[in-house]
Amino acid sequence: MDDPDLTEETLESREAYKGCLLHVFSDRVRLPNGKESVREVIKHPGAVVIIGVLDNGKLLFERQFRYPLRRVFLELPAGKIDANEHILDCGRRELREETGYKAKSWRHLATMHPCIGYSDERIEIFLAHGLSYIGHERDQEEFLEVIEMSLVDAMAAIRDGEITDGKTIAGLMWAEKIFSNQWSLPA
């Protein structure tokens, strides 16, 4: 049995907005049934999220104010991939900048797409071990608090609605499966 062709063909793409981080397009598309529709797409450079495991078994987290929702969030360290930057280099840079730690061992776990309905953003999930503190190098407009939390407490924080950030939830789900030996590390 053949799979149906669900592809949408781009007929026209118009730039609607270009900012420092996001680039928005309004595209006219042809649907699989031949009709036309509009798709608004946010182009995003991508990001990494790091599950940093300390020698005491706890994980590194950040408390940070997020302007769009106007509140402080508890999340794993993460950051935007710069132009032409390798994803591992981004992970190393973001871990150092935000938390002050470097890691001896890095493992790429997965790629997630958090907003597939309107954005091409991808988030690369990394596991980092052998952490040592060398001092943070935060941007001048970056304010955050670094905290340690056990995986058990972090999973309870998800359950209790204290952690709602999607990349953090996805990263912690990976951590829980790997640490409990339900999933093996990707090759």
Protein backbone atom coordinates (compact mmCIF):
# COMPACT_ATOMS: atom_id res chain seq x y z
CA MET A 1 0.00 0.00 0.00
CA ASP A 2 1.35 3.42 -1.01
CA ASP A 3 1.44 6.30 1.44
CA PRO A 4 -0.58 9.31 0.28
CA ASP A 5 1.38 12.39 -0.82
CA LEU A 6 0.79 14.93 1.97
CA THR A 7 3.33 17.44 0.67
CA GLU A 8 2.45 21.11 0.38
CA GLU A 9 4.08 23.01 -2.49
CA THR A 10 5.37 26.54 -1.88
CA LEU A 11 3.97 28.88 -4.52
CA GLU A 12 5.22 32.15 -3.07
CA SER A 13 7.21 33.15 0.00
CA ARG A 14 7.10 36.69 1.36
CA GLU A 15 9.22 38.04 4.21
CA ALA A 16 6.87 39.49 6.84
CA TYR A 17 9.40 40.41 9.55
CA LYS A 18 13.12 40.12 10.24
CA GLY A 19 14.35 40.60 13.80
CA CYS A 20 17.48 39.84 15.80
CA LEU A 21 16.40 36.25 16.49
CA LEU A 22 13.37 35.44 14.37
CA HIS A 23 12.65 35.69 10.67
CA VAL A 24 8.96 35.43 9.75
CA PHE A 25 7.57 34.48 6.34
CA SER A 26 4.07 34.34 4.93
CA ASP A 27 3.95 31.58 2.31
CA ARG A 28 1.24 30.77 -0.19
CA VAL A 29 1.06 27.00 -0.67
CA ARG A 30 -0.74 24.43 -2.77
CA LEU A 31 -2.33 21.74 -0.61
CA PRO A 32 -2.39 18.04 -1.54
CA ASN A 33 -6.01 18.47 -2.74
CA GLY A 34 -4.97 21.23 -5.17
CA LYS A 35 -6.42 24.15 -3.20
CA GLU A 36 -4.32 27.05 -1.92
CA SER A 37 -3.70 28.22 1.62
CA VAL A 38 -1.33 30.45 3.62
CA ARG A 39 1.37 29.24 6.00
CA GLU A 40 3.12 31.61 8.39
CA VAL A 41 6.58 30.31 9.22
CA ILE A 42 9.12 31.44 11.79
CA LYS A 43 12.70 30.68 10.75
CA HIS A 44 14.88 30.02 13.79
CA PRO A 45 18.64 29.27 13.89
CA GLY A 46 18.20 26.30 16.24
CA ALA A 47 19.32 25.73 19.80
CA VAL A 48 20.91 23.24 22.17
CA VAL A 49 19.82 22.07 25.60
CA ILE A 50 22.27 20.48 28.01
CA ILE A 51 21.61 17.85 30.67
CA GLY A 52 24.62 18.63 32.86
CA VAL A 53 25.31 15.88 35.40
CA LEU A 54 27.38 16.91 38.42
CA ASP A 55 29.66 14.48 40.28
CA ASN A 56 27.12 14.38 43.14
CA GLY A 57 24.50 13.03 40.67
CA LYS A 58 22.46 16.21 40.60
CA LEU A 59 21.62 18.11 37.43
CA LEU A 60 22.36 21.74 36.60
CA PHE A 61 19.36 24.03 36.20
CA GLU A 62 18.80 27.73 35.70
CA ARG A 63 16.15 30.05 37.05
CA GLN A 64 15.60 32.75 34.48
CA PHE A 65 13.00 35.41 33.73
CA ARG A 66 11.41 34.83 30.32
CA TYR A 67 9.90 38.03 28.97
CA PRO A 68 7.20 36.60 26.64
CA LEU A 69 5.43 34.96 29.62
CA ARG A 70 6.69 37.54 32.14
CA ARG A 71 7.76 35.06 34.78
CA VAL A 72 10.75 33.13 36.08
CA PHE A 73 11.19 29.62 34.68
CA LEU A 74 13.21 26.66 35.90
CA GLU A 75 15.00 25.13 32.93
CA LEU A 76 18.05 23.21 31.78
CA PRO A 77 20.91 25.29 30.35
CA ALA A 78 20.31 26.06 26.69
CA GLY A 79 21.03 28.55 23.98
CA LYS A 80 20.83 29.55 20.34
CA ILE A 81 23.17 28.11 17.74
CA ASP A 82 25.22 30.88 16.12
CA ALA A 83 25.66 31.06 12.34
CA ASN A 84 28.04 28.33 11.10
CA GLU A 85 28.52 27.02 14.66
CA HIS A 86 28.74 23.26 15.21
CA ILE A 87 26.08 22.05 17.66
CA LEU A 88 28.64 20.60 20.09
CA ASP A 89 30.59 23.87 20.11
CA CYS A 90 27.33 25.65 20.89
CA GLY A 91 26.66 23.27 23.78
CA ARG A 92 30.12 23.81 25.21
CA ARG A 93 29.82 27.59 24.83
CA GLU A 94 26.37 27.82 26.38
CA LEU A 95 27.24 25.58 29.34
CA ARG A 96 30.31 27.72 30.09
CA GLU A 97 28.64 31.10 29.48
CA GLU A 98 25.52 30.46 31.52
CA THR A 99 26.62 28.11 34.31
CA GLY A 100 30.40 28.45 34.49
CA TYR A 101 30.94 24.71 33.97
CA LYS A 102 32.84 22.74 31.37
CA ALA A 103 32.34 19.02 30.73
CA LYS A 104 34.81 16.23 29.95
CA SER A 105 32.26 14.02 28.23
CA TRP A 106 29.52 15.01 25.76
CA ARG A 107 26.87 12.82 24.16
CA HIS A 108 24.29 13.92 21.59
CA LEU A 109 20.98 12.30 22.51
CA ALA A 110 18.37 13.56 20.09
CA THR A 111 16.92 16.37 18.02
CA MET A 112 13.50 17.77 18.86
CA HIS A 113 11.27 20.17 16.94
CA PRO A 114 9.25 22.12 19.54
CA CYS A 115 6.88 24.11 17.32
CA ILE A 116 6.30 22.16 14.09
CA GLY A 117 3.09 23.99 13.25
CA TYR A 118 4.74 27.38 12.70
CA SER A 119 8.53 27.18 13.11
CA ASP A 120 11.54 25.31 11.71
CA GLU A 121 13.31 25.49 15.09
CA ARG A 122 15.24 22.43 16.18
CA ILE A 123 16.73 21.79 19.60
CA GLU A 124 19.71 19.46 19.96
CA ILE A 125 19.71 17.57 23.28
CA PHE A 126 23.11 16.84 24.86
CA LEU A 127 24.16 14.88 27.95
CA ALA A 128 27.30 16.27 29.63
CA HIS A 129 29.35 14.48 32.35
CA GLY A 130 32.57 15.23 34.20
CA LEU A 131 31.64 18.81 35.01
CA SER A 132 34.11 21.21 36.60
CA TYR A 133 33.47 24.83 37.51
CA ILE A 134 35.67 27.37 35.71
CA GLY A 135 33.54 30.55 35.96
CA HIS A 136 30.64 31.85 33.89
CA GLU A 137 30.86 34.30 30.98
CA ARG A 138 27.29 35.59 30.75
CA ASP A 139 26.19 38.22 28.29
CA GLN A 140 25.65 41.66 29.85
CA GLU A 141 21.87 41.35 29.53
CA GLU A 142 21.72 37.77 30.83
CA PHE A 143 20.54 37.35 34.42
CA LEU A 144 20.00 33.91 35.90
CA GLU A 145 20.53 31.77 38.94
CA VAL A 146 22.23 28.37 38.62
CA ILE A 147 20.88 25.64 40.90
CA GLU A 148 21.37 21.91 41.40
CA MET A 149 18.46 19.50 41.53
CA SER A 150 18.13 15.73 41.60
CA LEU A 151 16.39 14.02 38.72
CA VAL A 152 13.70 12.76 41.12
CA ASP A 153 12.98 16.30 42.31
CA ALA A 154 13.00 17.60 38.73
CA MET A 155 10.46 14.97 37.62
CA ALA A 156 8.28 15.93 40.59
CA ALA A 157 8.59 19.58 39.53
CA ILE A 158 7.26 18.61 36.08
CA ARG A 159 4.37 16.73 37.67
CA ASP A 160 3.59 19.66 39.97
CA GLY A 161 3.68 22.24 37.17
CA GLU A 162 6.85 23.96 38.42
CA ILE A 163 8.75 22.99 35.24
CA THR A 164 6.73 23.72 32.11
CA ASP A 165 9.49 24.48 29.58
CA GLY A 166 9.23 21.99 26.70
CA LYS A 167 12.95 21.53 26.02
CA THR A 168 13.57 20.92 29.71
CA ILE A 169 10.76 18.37 29.94
CA ALA A 170 12.07 16.55 26.84
CA GLY A 171 15.63 16.57 28.19
CA LEU A 172 14.53 15.25 31.58
CA MET A 173 12.49 12.50 29.94
CA TRP A 174 15.64 11.38 28.13
CA ALA A 175 17.64 11.58 31.36
CA GLU A 176 15.09 9.51 33.27
CA LYS A 177 15.04 6.77 30.61
CA ILE A 178 18.83 6.64 30.33
CA PHE A 179 19.57 6.78 34.07
CA SER A 180 17.04 4.01 34.75
CA ASN A 181 18.58 1.88 31.95
CA GLN A 182 15.27 1.76 30.07
CA TRP A 183 16.99 3.35 27.06
CA SER A 184 20.60 2.94 26.00
CA LEU A 185 22.63 5.89 24.83
CA PRO A 186 22.38 6.53 21.08
CA ALA A 187 25.33 5.22 19.06
